[in-house]
Amino acid sequence: MSRLILNPVTLSIGELILGLECGGSDAAGGIAANTQGVSKLIDLGLSTLSLRPAEFIGAEHMPQNRAINKEVHNQIIQIYV
């Protein structure tokens, strides 16, 4: 029987990417639904990845305004065109 050996590492919040999928039955659904909480994490340097871009229809400006640069901003626009 093999043993799992964990080696803790220290990461800054800027090194993490949080995948968000609303509508699931796991804890990530609650995080995705909490836009203020996610906004605070982004302000601290966390990157996020939305697994269901269709959920932003009608609110496209939210991820566009959070884009890291103009190129990403324009890519987000292309998703909804």
C-alpha atoms as a PDB file:
ATOM      1  CA  MET A   1       0.000   0.000   0.000  1.00  0.00           C
ATOM      2  CA  SER A   2       1.478   3.342  -1.010  1.00  0.00           C
ATOM      3  CA  ARG A   3       1.420   6.389   1.201  1.00  0.00           C
ATOM      4  CA  LEU A   4       0.592   9.862   0.053  1.00  0.00           C
ATOM      5  CA  ILE A   5       3.313  12.257   1.091  1.00  0.00           C
ATOM      6  CA  LEU A   6       2.314  15.900   1.220  1.00  0.00           C
ATOM      7  CA  ASN A   7       4.913  18.618   1.007  1.00  0.00           C
ATOM      8  CA  PRO A   8       3.393  21.952   1.971  1.00  0.00           C
ATOM      9  CA  VAL A   9       4.390  24.913  -0.148  1.00  0.00           C
ATOM     10  CA  THR A  10       3.872  28.601   0.384  1.00  0.00           C
ATOM     11  CA  LEU A  11       2.140  30.395  -2.457  1.00  0.00           C
ATOM     12  CA  SER A  12       1.021  33.947  -2.853  1.00  0.00           C
ATOM     13  CA  ILE A  13      -2.608  34.485  -3.764  1.00  0.00           C
ATOM     14  CA  GLY A  14      -1.430  35.784  -7.152  1.00  0.00           C
ATOM     15  CA  GLU A  15      -0.130  32.309  -8.013  1.00  0.00           C
ATOM     16  CA  LEU A  16      -3.573  30.730  -7.668  1.00  0.00           C
ATOM     17  CA  ILE A  17      -6.381  30.370 -10.207  1.00  0.00           C
ATOM     18  CA  LEU A  18      -9.882  29.693  -8.925  1.00  0.00           C
ATOM     19  CA  GLY A  19     -12.207  27.883 -11.340  1.00  0.00           C
ATOM     20  CA  LEU A  20     -15.803  28.997 -10.896  1.00  0.00           C
ATOM     21  CA  GLU A  21     -18.879  27.057 -11.940  1.00  0.00           C
ATOM     22  CA  CYS A  22     -22.221  28.206 -10.640  1.00  0.00           C
ATOM     23  CA  GLY A  23     -25.124  25.816 -10.481  1.00  0.00           C
ATOM     24  CA  GLY A  24     -23.174  22.853  -9.185  1.00  0.00           C
ATOM     25  CA  SER A  25     -23.921  21.173  -5.904  1.00  0.00           C
ATOM     26  CA  ASP A  26     -20.412  21.704  -4.549  1.00  0.00           C
ATOM     27  CA  ALA A  27     -18.935  24.624  -2.630  1.00  0.00           C
ATOM     28  CA  ALA A  28     -17.692  26.295  -5.827  1.00  0.00           C
ATOM     29  CA  GLY A  29     -21.291  27.141  -6.757  1.00  0.00           C
ATOM     30  CA  GLY A  30     -21.605  29.200  -3.607  1.00  0.00           C
ATOM     31  CA  ILE A  31     -18.332  30.967  -4.261  1.00  0.00           C
ATOM     32  CA  ALA A  32     -19.328  31.784  -7.848  1.00  0.00           C
ATOM     33  CA  ALA A  33     -22.646  33.168  -6.657  1.00  0.00           C
ATOM     34  CA  ASN A  34     -20.885  35.488  -4.212  1.00  0.00           C
ATOM     35  CA  THR A  35     -19.683  38.162  -6.627  1.00  0.00           C
ATOM     36  CA  GLN A  36     -18.600  40.522  -3.849  1.00  0.00           C
ATOM     37  CA  GLY A  37     -16.455  37.825  -2.283  1.00  0.00           C
ATOM     38  CA  VAL A  38     -14.899  36.900  -5.617  1.00  0.00           C
ATOM     39  CA  SER A  39     -14.258  40.593  -6.348  1.00  0.00           C
ATOM     40  CA  LYS A  40     -12.378  40.919  -3.063  1.00  0.00           C
ATOM     41  CA  LEU A  41     -10.227  37.896  -3.916  1.00  0.00           C
ATOM     42  CA  ILE A  42      -9.482  39.365  -7.355  1.00  0.00           C
ATOM     43  CA  ASP A  43      -8.504  42.652  -5.687  1.00  0.00           C
ATOM     44  CA  LEU A  44      -6.003  40.657  -3.627  1.00  0.00           C
ATOM     45  CA  GLY A  45      -4.454  39.216  -6.799  1.00  0.00           C
ATOM     46  CA  LEU A  46      -6.326  35.940  -7.319  1.00  0.00           C
ATOM     47  CA  SER A  47      -7.093  34.947 -10.906  1.00  0.00           C
ATOM     48  CA  THR A  48     -10.405  33.339 -11.748  1.00  0.00           C
ATOM     49  CA  LEU A  49     -11.640  31.173 -14.577  1.00  0.00           C
ATOM     50  CA  SER A  50     -15.343  30.961 -15.360  1.00  0.00           C
ATOM     51  CA  LEU A  51     -16.332  27.507 -16.501  1.00  0.00           C
ATOM     52  CA  ARG A  52     -19.679  28.699 -17.869  1.00  0.00           C
ATOM     53  CA  PRO A  53     -19.306  31.979 -19.747  1.00  0.00           C
ATOM     54  CA  ALA A  54     -22.991  31.811 -20.731  1.00  0.00           C
ATOM     55  CA  GLU A  55     -23.864  32.749 -17.160  1.00  0.00           C
ATOM     56  CA  PHE A  56     -22.465  36.232 -17.823  1.00  0.00           C
ATOM     57  CA  ILE A  57     -24.943  36.994 -20.626  1.00  0.00           C
ATOM     58  CA  GLY A  58     -26.408  40.354 -19.700  1.00  0.00           C
ATOM     59  CA  ALA A  59     -23.534  41.038 -17.329  1.00  0.00           C
ATOM     60  CA  GLU A  60     -20.620  40.865 -19.765  1.00  0.00           C
ATOM     61  CA  HIS A  61     -19.246  44.111 -18.401  1.00  0.00           C
ATOM     62  CA  MET A  62     -18.316  42.401 -15.126  1.00  0.00           C
ATOM     63  CA  PRO A  63     -15.559  40.119 -16.475  1.00  0.00           C
ATOM     64  CA  GLN A  64     -14.600  42.713 -19.110  1.00  0.00           C
ATOM     65  CA  ASN A  65     -13.941  45.321 -16.440  1.00  0.00           C
ATOM     66  CA  ARG A  66     -11.783  42.816 -14.542  1.00  0.00           C
ATOM     67  CA  ALA A  67      -9.677  41.774 -17.533  1.00  0.00           C
ATOM     68  CA  ILE A  68      -5.956  41.898 -16.846  1.00  0.00           C
ATOM     69  CA  ASN A  69      -5.267  43.817 -20.066  1.00  0.00           C
ATOM     70  CA  LYS A  70      -6.929  45.130 -23.241  1.00  0.00           C
ATOM     71  CA  GLU A  71      -6.247  41.896 -25.152  1.00  0.00           C
ATOM     72  CA  VAL A  72      -8.133  39.784 -22.601  1.00  0.00           C
ATOM     73  CA  HIS A  73     -10.884  42.426 -22.489  1.00  0.00           C
ATOM     74  CA  ASN A  74     -11.335  42.094 -26.256  1.00  0.00           C
ATOM     75  CA  GLN A  75     -11.304  38.274 -26.062  1.00  0.00           C
ATOM     76  CA  ILE A  76     -14.139  38.415 -23.547  1.00  0.00           C
ATOM     77  CA  ILE A  77     -16.119  40.619 -25.928  1.00  0.00           C
ATOM     78  CA  GLN A  78     -15.623  38.028 -28.698  1.00  0.00           C
ATOM     79  CA  ILE A  79     -17.144  35.284 -26.531  1.00  0.00           C
ATOM     80  CA  TYR A  80     -20.456  37.153 -26.413  1.00  0.00           C
ATOM     81  CA  VAL A  81     -20.621  38.469 -30.005  1.00  0.00           C
END
